[in-house]
Amino acid sequence: MLLAEERKMIAEYGKKLIDSGLTTGTGGNISIFNRDQQLMAITPSGVPYHNISPEDVAVLDLNNNILDSNKKPSSEYEMHKIFYEKRKNVTAVVHTHSVYATTIACLNWELPAVHYLIGYAGSKVPLAKYATFGTKELAKNAYQAMGNYNAVLLANHGLLAVGKDIDWAFNTAEEIEFTCQIYYQTKTIGEPVILSSEEMKKIMEKFDSYGQIQK
């Protein structure tokens, strides 16, 4: 089976997407890019995550050709593809409709550094202009707004997170949802204190060596 390991991981992380409360129903999507083969594995369209098998995960090249799948690929293929084409450090994309991130996105706000865990994405999470789901316009808006950050809020839509691997992309989606919840809750009480750019610089330096694998 083409990209067998990547397809297995996507099926597993799809279940985690639901179990972690990062999306509901069939919302959102996940992909992994194999740079050696220049092929993408992506969740199928409209299939409940707990029903997705590795065989259901679509494999495509970057010219929109479906090479292996028994299901139609996600409608957000273009929004994944653009990051694999233009950011060589990205090999996984996670798109969610998580409640707090989507709430902030529907306010058309970007997310400031209200908590240090925003460092998974960078010193903030920018906001991408609204465009209809599944369009090249949305893909372009997401890429342009994200820049060199690792996450972007999609206006009136949800959250997009990228990473060097699926673990990092998924963790980023989780931590940004947490940070959005903190931001929402602090805004209901008063005005949150935002970490300074100097402090975020220190935090980003510490994130470079975070975890078991040192750079």
N, C-alpha and C. Protein backbone atom coordinates (compact mmCIF):
# COMPACT_ATOMS: atom_id res chain seq x y z
N MET A 1 0.85 -1.20 0.00
CA MET A 1 0.00 0.00 0.00
C MET A 1 0.89 1.25 0.00
N LEU A 2 0.59 2.16 -0.89
CA LEU A 2 1.37 3.39 -1.04
C LEU A 2 1.26 4.24 0.23
N LEU A 3 2.41 4.73 0.73
CA LEU A 3 2.48 5.52 1.96
C LEU A 3 1.73 4.85 3.12
N ALA A 4 2.01 3.58 3.30
CA ALA A 4 1.30 2.79 4.32
C ALA A 4 1.45 3.38 5.72
N GLU A 5 2.66 3.77 6.10
CA GLU A 5 2.89 4.29 7.45
C GLU A 5 2.18 5.62 7.66
N GLU A 6 2.27 6.50 6.66
CA GLU A 6 1.61 7.80 6.77
C GLU A 6 0.09 7.65 6.87
N ARG A 7 -0.46 6.72 6.11
CA ARG A 7 -1.92 6.51 6.13
C ARG A 7 -2.38 5.93 7.47
N LYS A 8 -1.58 5.05 8.02
CA LYS A 8 -1.89 4.50 9.33
C LYS A 8 -1.89 5.61 10.39
N MET A 9 -0.89 6.48 10.33
CA MET A 9 -0.80 7.57 11.31
C MET A 9 -1.97 8.54 11.17
N ILE A 10 -2.39 8.82 9.96
CA ILE A 10 -3.51 9.74 9.77
C ILE A 10 -4.80 9.15 10.33
N ALA A 11 -5.01 7.85 10.12
CA ALA A 11 -6.19 7.19 10.69
C ALA A 11 -6.16 7.28 12.22
N GLU A 12 -4.99 7.09 12.81
CA GLU A 12 -4.85 7.16 14.27
C GLU A 12 -5.07 8.58 14.79
N TYR A 13 -4.46 9.57 14.12
CA TYR A 13 -4.59 10.95 14.57
C TYR A 13 -5.98 11.52 14.30
N GLY A 14 -6.68 10.97 13.34
CA GLY A 14 -8.06 11.38 13.12
C GLY A 14 -8.93 11.06 14.33
N LYS A 15 -8.72 9.88 14.89
CA LYS A 15 -9.44 9.50 16.11
C LYS A 15 -9.06 10.42 17.26
N LYS A 16 -7.77 10.77 17.36
CA LYS A 16 -7.33 11.69 18.41
C LYS A 16 -7.96 13.07 18.24
N LEU A 17 -8.19 13.47 17.00
CA LEU A 17 -8.79 14.77 16.73
C LEU A 17 -10.17 14.86 17.38
N ILE A 18 -10.94 13.76 17.28
CA ILE A 18 -12.27 13.71 17.89
C ILE A 18 -12.15 13.53 19.40
N ASP A 19 -11.32 12.58 19.83
CA ASP A 19 -11.21 12.27 21.26
C ASP A 19 -10.67 13.44 22.07
N SER A 20 -9.87 14.30 21.45
CA SER A 20 -9.32 15.47 22.13
C SER A 20 -10.25 16.68 22.08
N GLY A 21 -11.37 16.53 21.38
CA GLY A 21 -12.33 17.62 21.29
C GLY A 21 -11.90 18.73 20.36
N LEU A 22 -10.99 18.43 19.44
CA LEU A 22 -10.51 19.47 18.52
C LEU A 22 -11.42 19.68 17.32
N THR A 23 -12.37 18.77 17.11
CA THR A 23 -13.35 18.97 16.05
C THR A 23 -14.55 18.10 16.36
N THR A 24 -15.60 18.24 15.58
CA THR A 24 -16.80 17.42 15.73
C THR A 24 -17.19 16.83 14.38
N GLY A 25 -17.92 15.72 14.42
CA GLY A 25 -18.40 15.12 13.19
C GLY A 25 -17.28 14.78 12.24
N THR A 26 -17.37 15.31 11.03
CA THR A 26 -16.33 15.08 10.02
C THR A 26 -15.56 16.36 9.73
N GLY A 27 -15.68 17.36 10.61
CA GLY A 27 -15.00 18.63 10.40
C GLY A 27 -13.49 18.53 10.53
N GLY A 28 -12.79 19.43 9.86
CA GLY A 28 -11.33 19.44 9.91
C GLY A 28 -10.72 18.39 9.01
N ASN A 29 -9.39 18.35 8.98
CA ASN A 29 -8.67 17.38 8.15
C ASN A 29 -7.20 17.33 8.56
N ILE A 30 -6.54 16.26 8.18
CA ILE A 30 -5.14 16.01 8.54
C ILE A 30 -4.40 15.50 7.31
N SER A 31 -3.15 15.91 7.16
CA SER A 31 -2.32 15.35 6.09
C SER A 31 -0.88 15.21 6.55
N ILE A 32 -0.17 14.31 5.88
CA ILE A 32 1.27 14.10 6.07
C ILE A 32 1.90 14.07 4.68
N PHE A 33 3.04 14.74 4.54
CA PHE A 33 3.73 14.80 3.25
C PHE A 33 5.04 14.03 3.31
N ASN A 34 5.22 13.12 2.37
CA ASN A 34 6.47 12.39 2.23
C ASN A 34 7.34 13.13 1.20
N ARG A 35 8.35 13.84 1.69
CA ARG A 35 9.14 14.69 0.80
C ARG A 35 10.00 13.87 -0.16
N ASP A 36 10.44 12.70 0.25
CA ASP A 36 11.25 11.86 -0.63
C ASP A 36 10.45 11.44 -1.86
N GLN A 37 9.19 11.07 -1.63
CA GLN A 37 8.34 10.62 -2.74
C GLN A 37 7.48 11.74 -3.33
N GLN A 38 7.48 12.92 -2.65
CA GLN A 38 6.68 14.06 -3.09
C GLN A 38 5.19 13.70 -3.20
N LEU A 39 4.73 12.96 -2.17
CA LEU A 39 3.34 12.52 -2.13
C LEU A 39 2.71 12.90 -0.79
N MET A 40 1.42 13.21 -0.84
CA MET A 40 0.65 13.60 0.34
C MET A 40 -0.40 12.54 0.66
N ALA A 41 -0.50 12.20 1.95
CA ALA A 41 -1.60 11.38 2.45
C ALA A 41 -2.54 12.32 3.20
N ILE A 42 -3.84 12.25 2.92
CA ILE A 42 -4.79 13.18 3.51
C ILE A 42 -6.10 12.48 3.83
N THR A 43 -6.77 12.92 4.89
CA THR A 43 -8.03 12.32 5.29
C THR A 43 -9.07 12.39 4.18
N PRO A 44 -9.96 11.39 4.12
CA PRO A 44 -11.02 11.41 3.11
C PRO A 44 -12.11 12.41 3.47
N SER A 45 -12.88 12.80 2.50
CA SER A 45 -13.95 13.78 2.68
C SER A 45 -15.20 13.13 3.26
N GLY A 46 -15.73 13.74 4.34
CA GLY A 46 -17.04 13.35 4.84
C GLY A 46 -17.14 12.00 5.52
N VAL A 47 -16.02 11.43 5.96
CA VAL A 47 -16.04 10.13 6.63
C VAL A 47 -15.79 10.35 8.13
N PRO A 48 -16.65 9.84 9.02
CA PRO A 48 -16.41 9.98 10.46
C PRO A 48 -15.03 9.44 10.83
N TYR A 49 -14.32 10.16 11.67
CA TYR A 49 -12.92 9.82 11.96
C TYR A 49 -12.74 8.43 12.54
N HIS A 50 -13.66 7.98 13.37
CA HIS A 50 -13.52 6.66 13.97
C HIS A 50 -13.81 5.54 12.96
N ASN A 51 -14.29 5.90 11.79
CA ASN A 51 -14.54 4.92 10.74
C ASN A 51 -13.45 4.88 9.68
N ILE A 52 -12.48 5.78 9.77
CA ILE A 52 -11.44 5.86 8.74
C ILE A 52 -10.41 4.75 8.94
N SER A 53 -10.18 3.97 7.89
CA SER A 53 -9.11 2.97 7.87
C SER A 53 -7.95 3.53 7.07
N PRO A 54 -6.75 2.96 7.19
CA PRO A 54 -5.63 3.44 6.38
C PRO A 54 -5.94 3.41 4.88
N GLU A 55 -6.71 2.43 4.44
CA GLU A 55 -7.05 2.33 3.02
C GLU A 55 -7.95 3.47 2.55
N ASP A 56 -8.68 4.08 3.48
CA ASP A 56 -9.57 5.20 3.13
C ASP A 56 -8.80 6.50 2.92
N VAL A 57 -7.60 6.59 3.51
CA VAL A 57 -6.80 7.81 3.41
C VAL A 57 -6.29 7.96 1.98
N ALA A 58 -6.51 9.13 1.41
CA ALA A 58 -6.14 9.37 0.01
C ALA A 58 -4.65 9.71 -0.12
N VAL A 59 -4.04 9.23 -1.20
CA VAL A 59 -2.66 9.59 -1.54
C VAL A 59 -2.69 10.34 -2.87
N LEU A 60 -2.11 11.55 -2.85
CA LEU A 60 -2.09 12.40 -4.04
C LEU A 60 -0.70 12.95 -4.25
N ASP A 61 -0.43 13.33 -5.50
CA ASP A 61 0.79 14.11 -5.75
C ASP A 61 0.41 15.59 -5.68
N LEU A 62 1.36 16.46 -5.95
CA LEU A 62 1.09 17.89 -5.85
C LEU A 62 0.50 18.48 -7.12
N ASN A 63 0.07 17.61 -8.02
CA ASN A 63 -0.63 18.04 -9.22
C ASN A 63 -2.09 17.61 -9.20
N ASN A 64 -2.58 17.32 -7.99
CA ASN A 64 -3.98 16.95 -7.78
C ASN A 64 -4.36 15.57 -8.30
N ASN A 65 -3.37 14.74 -8.60
CA ASN A 65 -3.65 13.39 -9.08
C ASN A 65 -3.81 12.43 -7.91
N ILE A 66 -4.95 11.74 -7.83
CA ILE A 66 -5.18 10.74 -6.79
C ILE A 66 -4.51 9.44 -7.24
N LEU A 67 -3.56 8.98 -6.43
CA LEU A 67 -2.78 7.81 -6.80
C LEU A 67 -3.24 6.54 -6.10
N ASP A 68 -3.86 6.69 -4.94
CA ASP A 68 -4.32 5.50 -4.22
C ASP A 68 -5.34 5.90 -3.16
N SER A 69 -6.55 5.36 -3.25
CA SER A 69 -7.58 5.58 -2.24
C SER A 69 -8.87 4.93 -2.69
N ASN A 70 -9.69 4.52 -1.73
CA ASN A 70 -11.04 4.08 -2.09
C ASN A 70 -12.08 5.11 -1.69
N LYS A 71 -11.59 6.32 -1.30
CA LYS A 71 -12.47 7.41 -0.92
C LYS A 71 -11.99 8.71 -1.54
N LYS A 72 -12.92 9.66 -1.68
CA LYS A 72 -12.60 10.99 -2.18
C LYS A 72 -11.78 11.74 -1.14
N PRO A 73 -10.71 12.45 -1.53
CA PRO A 73 -9.88 13.18 -0.55
C PRO A 73 -10.58 14.42 -0.02
N SER A 74 -10.06 14.94 1.08
CA SER A 74 -10.60 16.14 1.71
C SER A 74 -10.73 17.29 0.72
N SER A 75 -11.78 18.07 0.90
CA SER A 75 -12.00 19.24 0.05
C SER A 75 -10.96 20.32 0.28
N GLU A 76 -10.22 20.23 1.39
CA GLU A 76 -9.21 21.24 1.72
C GLU A 76 -7.82 20.85 1.23
N TYR A 77 -7.75 19.99 0.23
CA TYR A 77 -6.45 19.58 -0.33
C TYR A 77 -5.55 20.76 -0.64
N GLU A 78 -6.10 21.81 -1.25
CA GLU A 78 -5.29 22.96 -1.66
C GLU A 78 -4.65 23.65 -0.46
N MET A 79 -5.36 23.69 0.68
CA MET A 79 -4.85 24.38 1.86
C MET A 79 -3.70 23.61 2.51
N HIS A 80 -3.62 22.33 2.27
CA HIS A 80 -2.49 21.53 2.73
C HIS A 80 -1.34 21.62 1.72
N LYS A 81 -1.67 21.46 0.47
CA LYS A 81 -0.68 21.46 -0.61
C LYS A 81 0.20 22.71 -0.60
N ILE A 82 -0.40 23.88 -0.39
CA ILE A 82 0.36 25.13 -0.50
C ILE A 82 1.51 25.19 0.51
N PHE A 83 1.30 24.61 1.69
CA PHE A 83 2.37 24.63 2.69
C PHE A 83 3.48 23.64 2.35
N TYR A 84 3.15 22.53 1.74
CA TYR A 84 4.18 21.57 1.33
C TYR A 84 5.00 22.11 0.17
N GLU A 85 4.37 22.90 -0.67
CA GLU A 85 5.08 23.50 -1.80
C GLU A 85 5.99 24.64 -1.38
N LYS A 86 5.55 25.44 -0.41
CA LYS A 86 6.23 26.69 -0.13
C LYS A 86 7.02 26.72 1.18
N ARG A 87 6.79 25.76 2.09
CA ARG A 87 7.55 25.72 3.34
C ARG A 87 8.21 24.36 3.50
N LYS A 88 9.49 24.32 3.25
CA LYS A 88 10.21 23.04 3.19
C LYS A 88 10.38 22.39 4.55
N ASN A 89 10.10 23.13 5.63
CA ASN A 89 10.21 22.57 6.98
C ASN A 89 8.90 21.94 7.45
N VAL A 90 7.88 21.96 6.62
CA VAL A 90 6.57 21.44 7.00
C VAL A 90 6.32 20.08 6.34
N THR A 91 5.98 19.07 7.15
CA THR A 91 5.62 17.75 6.61
C THR A 91 4.29 17.25 7.17
N ALA A 92 3.58 18.09 7.92
CA ALA A 92 2.26 17.69 8.42
C ALA A 92 1.40 18.93 8.63
N VAL A 93 0.11 18.78 8.36
CA VAL A 93 -0.86 19.87 8.53
C VAL A 93 -2.07 19.31 9.26
N VAL A 94 -2.54 20.06 10.28
CA VAL A 94 -3.73 19.68 11.03
C VAL A 94 -4.69 20.86 11.00
N HIS A 95 -5.90 20.63 10.51
CA HIS A 95 -6.93 21.67 10.47
C HIS A 95 -8.07 21.26 11.39
N THR A 96 -8.46 22.14 12.32
CA THR A 96 -9.50 21.82 13.29
C THR A 96 -10.61 22.87 13.29
N HIS A 97 -11.73 22.46 13.89
CA HIS A 97 -12.82 23.38 14.17
C HIS A 97 -13.01 23.46 15.68
N SER A 98 -11.91 23.49 16.42
CA SER A 98 -11.97 23.52 17.88
C SER A 98 -12.70 24.76 18.36
N VAL A 99 -13.44 24.61 19.46
CA VAL A 99 -14.43 25.61 19.87
C VAL A 99 -13.82 26.98 20.16
N TYR A 100 -12.78 27.04 20.98
CA TYR A 100 -12.25 28.34 21.38
C TYR A 100 -11.46 29.01 20.26
N ALA A 101 -10.69 28.24 19.52
CA ALA A 101 -9.97 28.82 18.38
C ALA A 101 -10.95 29.34 17.35
N THR A 102 -12.02 28.59 17.11
CA THR A 102 -13.02 29.02 16.14
C THR A 102 -13.77 30.25 16.64
N THR A 103 -14.00 30.33 17.96
CA THR A 103 -14.64 31.52 18.54
C THR A 103 -13.80 32.77 18.28
N ILE A 104 -12.50 32.66 18.55
CA ILE A 104 -11.61 33.81 18.30
C ILE A 104 -11.57 34.14 16.81
N ALA A 105 -11.55 33.09 15.96
CA ALA A 105 -11.54 33.31 14.52
C ALA A 105 -12.81 33.98 14.04
N CYS A 106 -13.95 33.65 14.66
CA CYS A 106 -15.21 34.26 14.27
C CYS A 106 -15.34 35.70 14.74
N LEU A 107 -14.52 36.09 15.71
CA LEU A 107 -14.42 37.49 16.10
C LEU A 107 -13.48 38.26 15.18
N ASN A 108 -12.80 37.50 14.30
CA ASN A 108 -11.79 38.05 13.39
C ASN A 108 -10.65 38.71 14.16
N TRP A 109 -10.24 38.06 15.25
CA TRP A 109 -9.11 38.50 16.05
C TRP A 109 -7.91 37.59 15.79
N GLU A 110 -6.71 38.12 15.87
CA GLU A 110 -5.55 37.26 15.97
C GLU A 110 -5.34 36.95 17.45
N LEU A 111 -4.52 35.94 17.74
CA LEU A 111 -4.29 35.52 19.12
C LEU A 111 -2.95 36.05 19.61
N PRO A 112 -2.96 36.90 20.64
CA PRO A 112 -1.70 37.43 21.17
C PRO A 112 -1.07 36.47 22.17
N ALA A 113 0.09 36.83 22.67
CA ALA A 113 0.86 35.97 23.58
C ALA A 113 0.34 36.07 25.01
N VAL A 114 -0.85 35.52 25.23
CA VAL A 114 -1.46 35.56 26.55
C VAL A 114 -0.89 34.47 27.45
N HIS A 115 -0.27 33.45 26.86
CA HIS A 115 0.32 32.34 27.62
C HIS A 115 1.53 31.85 26.83
N TYR A 116 2.55 31.37 27.56
CA TYR A 116 3.79 31.00 26.87
C TYR A 116 3.64 29.82 25.92
N LEU A 117 2.58 29.00 26.10
CA LEU A 117 2.41 27.85 25.19
C LEU A 117 2.04 28.27 23.77
N ILE A 118 1.76 29.54 23.58
CA ILE A 118 1.58 30.03 22.21
C ILE A 118 2.87 29.85 21.42
N GLY A 119 3.98 29.64 22.13
CA GLY A 119 5.28 29.43 21.49
C GLY A 119 5.31 28.26 20.52
N TYR A 120 4.38 27.32 20.64
CA TYR A 120 4.29 26.25 19.64
C TYR A 120 4.06 26.83 18.25
N ALA A 121 3.34 27.93 18.21
CA ALA A 121 3.04 28.58 16.93
C ALA A 121 3.99 29.72 16.61
N GLY A 122 4.54 30.34 17.64
CA GLY A 122 5.38 31.52 17.49
C GLY A 122 5.00 32.53 18.54
N SER A 123 5.27 33.79 18.30
CA SER A 123 4.99 34.83 19.29
C SER A 123 3.53 35.28 19.28
N LYS A 124 2.76 34.80 18.31
CA LYS A 124 1.32 35.06 18.22
C LYS A 124 0.74 34.08 17.21
N VAL A 125 -0.59 34.11 17.05
CA VAL A 125 -1.24 33.36 15.96
C VAL A 125 -1.99 34.37 15.11
N PRO A 126 -1.53 34.60 13.89
CA PRO A 126 -2.19 35.60 13.03
C PRO A 126 -3.55 35.12 12.53
N LEU A 127 -4.26 36.04 11.90
CA LEU A 127 -5.59 35.76 11.35
C LEU A 127 -5.57 35.84 9.83
N ALA A 128 -6.13 34.82 9.19
CA ALA A 128 -6.26 34.82 7.73
C ALA A 128 -7.63 35.35 7.34
N LYS A 129 -7.67 36.12 6.27
CA LYS A 129 -8.93 36.66 5.76
C LYS A 129 -9.88 35.52 5.36
N TYR A 130 -11.16 35.79 5.49
CA TYR A 130 -12.17 34.78 5.16
C TYR A 130 -12.20 34.47 3.66
N ALA A 131 -12.39 33.19 3.37
CA ALA A 131 -12.70 32.74 2.01
C ALA A 131 -13.47 31.44 2.15
N THR A 132 -14.23 31.09 1.15
CA THR A 132 -15.05 29.88 1.18
C THR A 132 -14.17 28.65 1.35
N PHE A 133 -14.66 27.69 2.15
CA PHE A 133 -13.87 26.48 2.40
C PHE A 133 -13.63 25.71 1.10
N GLY A 134 -12.49 25.04 1.05
CA GLY A 134 -12.16 24.20 -0.10
C GLY A 134 -11.71 24.95 -1.34
N THR A 135 -11.39 26.24 -1.20
CA THR A 135 -11.00 27.03 -2.37
C THR A 135 -9.51 27.35 -2.34
N LYS A 136 -8.99 27.66 -3.52
CA LYS A 136 -7.60 28.11 -3.61
C LYS A 136 -7.42 29.46 -2.92
N GLU A 137 -8.46 30.26 -2.91
CA GLU A 137 -8.39 31.56 -2.24
C GLU A 137 -8.15 31.37 -0.74
N LEU A 138 -8.84 30.41 -0.13
CA LEU A 138 -8.62 30.14 1.29
C LEU A 138 -7.21 29.64 1.53
N ALA A 139 -6.72 28.76 0.67
CA ALA A 139 -5.35 28.26 0.80
C ALA A 139 -4.35 29.41 0.75
N LYS A 140 -4.52 30.31 -0.21
CA LYS A 140 -3.63 31.45 -0.36
C LYS A 140 -3.70 32.37 0.86
N ASN A 141 -4.91 32.63 1.34
CA ASN A 141 -5.07 33.50 2.51
C ASN A 141 -4.38 32.90 3.73
N ALA A 142 -4.54 31.59 3.91
CA ALA A 142 -3.94 30.91 5.07
C ALA A 142 -2.41 30.98 5.00
N TYR A 143 -1.86 30.71 3.84
CA TYR A 143 -0.41 30.73 3.69
C TYR A 143 0.16 32.13 3.89
N GLN A 144 -0.46 33.11 3.27
CA GLN A 144 0.05 34.48 3.38
C GLN A 144 -0.03 35.00 4.81
N ALA A 145 -1.11 34.68 5.51
CA ALA A 145 -1.27 35.17 6.88
C ALA A 145 -0.33 34.44 7.84
N MET A 146 -0.13 33.14 7.64
CA MET A 146 0.70 32.39 8.57
C MET A 146 2.16 32.82 8.49
N GLY A 147 2.66 33.09 7.32
CA GLY A 147 4.06 33.48 7.19
C GLY A 147 4.97 32.40 7.74
N ASN A 148 5.85 32.75 8.67
CA ASN A 148 6.76 31.78 9.28
C ASN A 148 6.26 31.23 10.61
N TYR A 149 5.02 31.57 10.97
CA TYR A 149 4.43 30.99 12.18
C TYR A 149 4.03 29.55 11.91
N ASN A 150 3.61 28.85 12.95
CA ASN A 150 3.21 27.44 12.80
C ASN A 150 1.71 27.23 12.97
N ALA A 151 0.97 28.31 13.07
CA ALA A 151 -0.49 28.22 13.15
C ALA A 151 -1.11 29.51 12.65
N VAL A 152 -2.36 29.39 12.20
CA VAL A 152 -3.10 30.55 11.74
C VAL A 152 -4.57 30.32 12.04
N LEU A 153 -5.25 31.38 12.46
CA LEU A 153 -6.70 31.34 12.62
C LEU A 153 -7.35 31.69 11.29
N LEU A 154 -8.32 30.91 10.88
CA LEU A 154 -9.03 31.13 9.63
C LEU A 154 -10.34 31.85 9.96
N ALA A 155 -10.49 33.06 9.49
CA ALA A 155 -11.65 33.88 9.85
C ALA A 155 -12.95 33.13 9.62
N ASN A 156 -13.82 33.13 10.64
CA ASN A 156 -15.14 32.50 10.57
C ASN A 156 -15.08 31.03 10.14
N HIS A 157 -14.00 30.35 10.57
CA HIS A 157 -13.82 28.97 10.09
C HIS A 157 -13.18 28.08 11.15
N GLY A 158 -11.92 28.32 11.51
CA GLY A 158 -11.26 27.43 12.46
C GLY A 158 -9.78 27.72 12.58
N LEU A 159 -9.01 26.65 12.79
CA LEU A 159 -7.57 26.75 13.06
C LEU A 159 -6.80 25.85 12.11
N LEU A 160 -5.63 26.30 11.69
CA LEU A 160 -4.72 25.49 10.88
C LEU A 160 -3.37 25.49 11.56
N ALA A 161 -2.80 24.30 11.78
CA ALA A 161 -1.49 24.17 12.41
C ALA A 161 -0.59 23.32 11.53
N VAL A 162 0.70 23.66 11.48
CA VAL A 162 1.67 22.91 10.69
C VAL A 162 2.83 22.51 11.57
N GLY A 163 3.62 21.53 11.10
CA GLY A 163 4.76 21.11 11.88
C GLY A 163 5.75 20.29 11.10
N LYS A 164 6.89 20.03 11.73
CA LYS A 164 7.94 19.21 11.12
C LYS A 164 7.52 17.75 11.05
N ASP A 165 6.53 17.35 11.87
CA ASP A 165 5.94 16.01 11.82
C ASP A 165 4.54 16.09 12.39
N ILE A 166 3.81 14.98 12.31
CA ILE A 166 2.42 14.99 12.73
C ILE A 166 2.29 15.23 14.22
N ASP A 167 3.23 14.74 15.02
CA ASP A 167 3.18 14.98 16.46
C ASP A 167 3.22 16.47 16.76
N TRP A 168 4.16 17.17 16.13
CA TRP A 168 4.32 18.60 16.38
C TRP A 168 3.11 19.39 15.90
N ALA A 169 2.60 19.06 14.73
CA ALA A 169 1.44 19.77 14.20
C ALA A 169 0.22 19.56 15.09
N PHE A 170 0.01 18.32 15.54
CA PHE A 170 -1.13 18.02 16.40
C PHE A 170 -0.99 18.71 17.75
N ASN A 171 0.21 18.63 18.34
CA ASN A 171 0.44 19.30 19.62
C ASN A 171 0.22 20.80 19.51
N THR A 172 0.65 21.37 18.39
CA THR A 172 0.43 22.80 18.17
C THR A 172 -1.06 23.13 18.16
N ALA A 173 -1.84 22.30 17.46
CA ALA A 173 -3.29 22.52 17.42
C ALA A 173 -3.89 22.45 18.83
N GLU A 174 -3.43 21.48 19.63
CA GLU A 174 -3.93 21.35 21.00
C GLU A 174 -3.55 22.55 21.86
N GLU A 175 -2.30 22.96 21.80
CA GLU A 175 -1.83 24.04 22.66
C GLU A 175 -2.42 25.39 22.25
N ILE A 176 -2.65 25.58 20.97
CA ILE A 176 -3.26 26.84 20.54
C ILE A 176 -4.74 26.87 20.93
N GLU A 177 -5.42 25.74 20.89
CA GLU A 177 -6.79 25.69 21.39
C GLU A 177 -6.83 26.04 22.87
N PHE A 178 -5.89 25.48 23.65
CA PHE A 178 -5.79 25.81 25.08
C PHE A 178 -5.56 27.31 25.27
N THR A 179 -4.65 27.88 24.50
CA THR A 179 -4.33 29.30 24.63
C THR A 179 -5.52 30.17 24.24
N CYS A 180 -6.26 29.74 23.22
CA CYS A 180 -7.47 30.47 22.83
C CYS A 180 -8.51 30.44 23.96
N GLN A 181 -8.61 29.30 24.64
CA GLN A 181 -9.55 29.21 25.75
C GLN A 181 -9.15 30.15 26.88
N ILE A 182 -7.85 30.18 27.19
CA ILE A 182 -7.37 31.10 28.22
C ILE A 182 -7.65 32.55 27.83
N TYR A 183 -7.41 32.87 26.57
CA TYR A 183 -7.64 34.24 26.10
C TYR A 183 -9.12 34.61 26.21
N TYR A 184 -9.98 33.70 25.78
CA TYR A 184 -11.42 33.93 25.86
C TYR A 184 -11.85 34.16 27.31
N GLN A 185 -11.37 33.30 28.21
CA GLN A 185 -11.80 33.39 29.60
C GLN A 185 -11.28 34.65 30.29
N THR A 186 -10.04 35.02 29.97
CA THR A 186 -9.52 36.25 30.57
C THR A 186 -10.27 37.48 30.03
N LYS A 187 -10.66 37.43 28.76
CA LYS A 187 -11.40 38.57 28.19
C LYS A 187 -12.79 38.71 28.81
N THR A 188 -13.36 37.61 29.32
CA THR A 188 -14.67 37.71 29.95
C THR A 188 -14.59 38.36 31.33
N ILE A 189 -13.40 38.32 31.95
CA ILE A 189 -13.21 38.88 33.29
C ILE A 189 -12.65 40.30 33.23
N GLY A 190 -11.74 40.52 32.32
CA GLY A 190 -11.08 41.82 32.23
C GLY A 190 -10.23 41.88 30.98
N GLU A 191 -9.09 42.53 31.08
CA GLU A 191 -8.18 42.64 29.95
C GLU A 191 -6.92 41.85 30.28
N PRO A 192 -6.62 40.79 29.52
CA PRO A 192 -5.47 39.96 29.83
C PRO A 192 -4.14 40.71 29.67
N VAL A 193 -3.16 40.30 30.46
CA VAL A 193 -1.80 40.84 30.34
C VAL A 193 -1.08 40.00 29.29
N ILE A 194 -0.53 40.66 28.29
CA ILE A 194 0.13 39.98 27.17
C ILE A 194 1.64 39.97 27.40
N LEU A 195 2.25 38.81 27.16
CA LEU A 195 3.70 38.70 27.32
C LEU A 195 4.42 39.61 26.33
N SER A 196 5.51 40.18 26.76
CA SER A 196 6.26 41.11 25.92
C SER A 196 6.99 40.38 24.80
N SER A 197 7.38 41.12 23.79
CA SER A 197 8.15 40.54 22.68
C SER A 197 9.49 40.03 23.17
N GLU A 198 10.07 40.71 24.16
CA GLU A 198 11.35 40.25 24.72
C GLU A 198 11.19 38.91 25.43
N GLU A 199 10.12 38.76 26.19
CA GLU A 199 9.87 37.48 26.87
C GLU A 199 9.58 36.38 25.86
N MET A 200 8.82 36.68 24.82
CA MET A 200 8.51 35.67 23.80
C MET A 200 9.76 35.24 23.06
N LYS A 201 10.71 36.16 22.89
CA LYS A 201 11.98 35.79 22.26
C LYS A 201 12.71 34.75 23.10
N LYS A 202 12.72 34.95 24.43
CA LYS A 202 13.35 33.97 25.33
C LYS A 202 12.63 32.62 25.25
N ILE A 203 11.30 32.69 25.23
CA ILE A 203 10.51 31.47 25.18
C ILE A 203 10.77 30.70 23.88
N MET A 204 10.84 31.40 22.77
CA MET A 204 11.08 30.74 21.49
C MET A 204 12.45 30.07 21.46
N GLU A 205 13.44 30.70 22.11
CA GLU A 205 14.77 30.09 22.19
C GLU A 205 14.72 28.80 23.01
N LYS A 206 13.92 28.79 24.08
CA LYS A 206 13.78 27.59 24.90
C LYS A 206 13.02 26.50 24.15
N PHE A 207 12.06 26.89 23.32
CA PHE A 207 11.30 25.92 22.54
C PHE A 207 12.19 25.19 21.54
N ASP A 208 13.27 25.83 21.09
CA ASP A 208 14.18 25.20 20.14
C ASP A 208 14.82 23.94 20.70
N SER A 209 14.93 23.86 22.02
CA SER A 209 15.56 22.68 22.64
C SER A 209 14.58 21.91 23.54
N TYR A 210 13.29 22.17 23.35
CA TYR A 210 12.28 21.53 24.19
C TYR A 210 12.09 20.06 23.82
N GLY A 211 11.88 19.21 24.80
CA GLY A 211 11.61 17.80 24.56
C GLY A 211 12.86 16.95 24.61
N GLN A 212 12.73 15.70 24.15
CA GLN A 212 13.80 14.72 24.27
C GLN A 212 14.86 14.83 23.19
N ILE A 213 14.48 15.38 22.04
CA ILE A 213 15.43 15.49 20.92
C ILE A 213 15.99 16.89 20.86
N GLN A 214 17.25 17.03 21.10
CA GLN A 214 17.91 18.34 21.08
C GLN A 214 18.39 18.65 19.67
N LYS A 215 18.30 19.92 19.31
CA LYS A 215 18.79 20.33 17.98
C LYS A 215 20.31 20.44 17.96
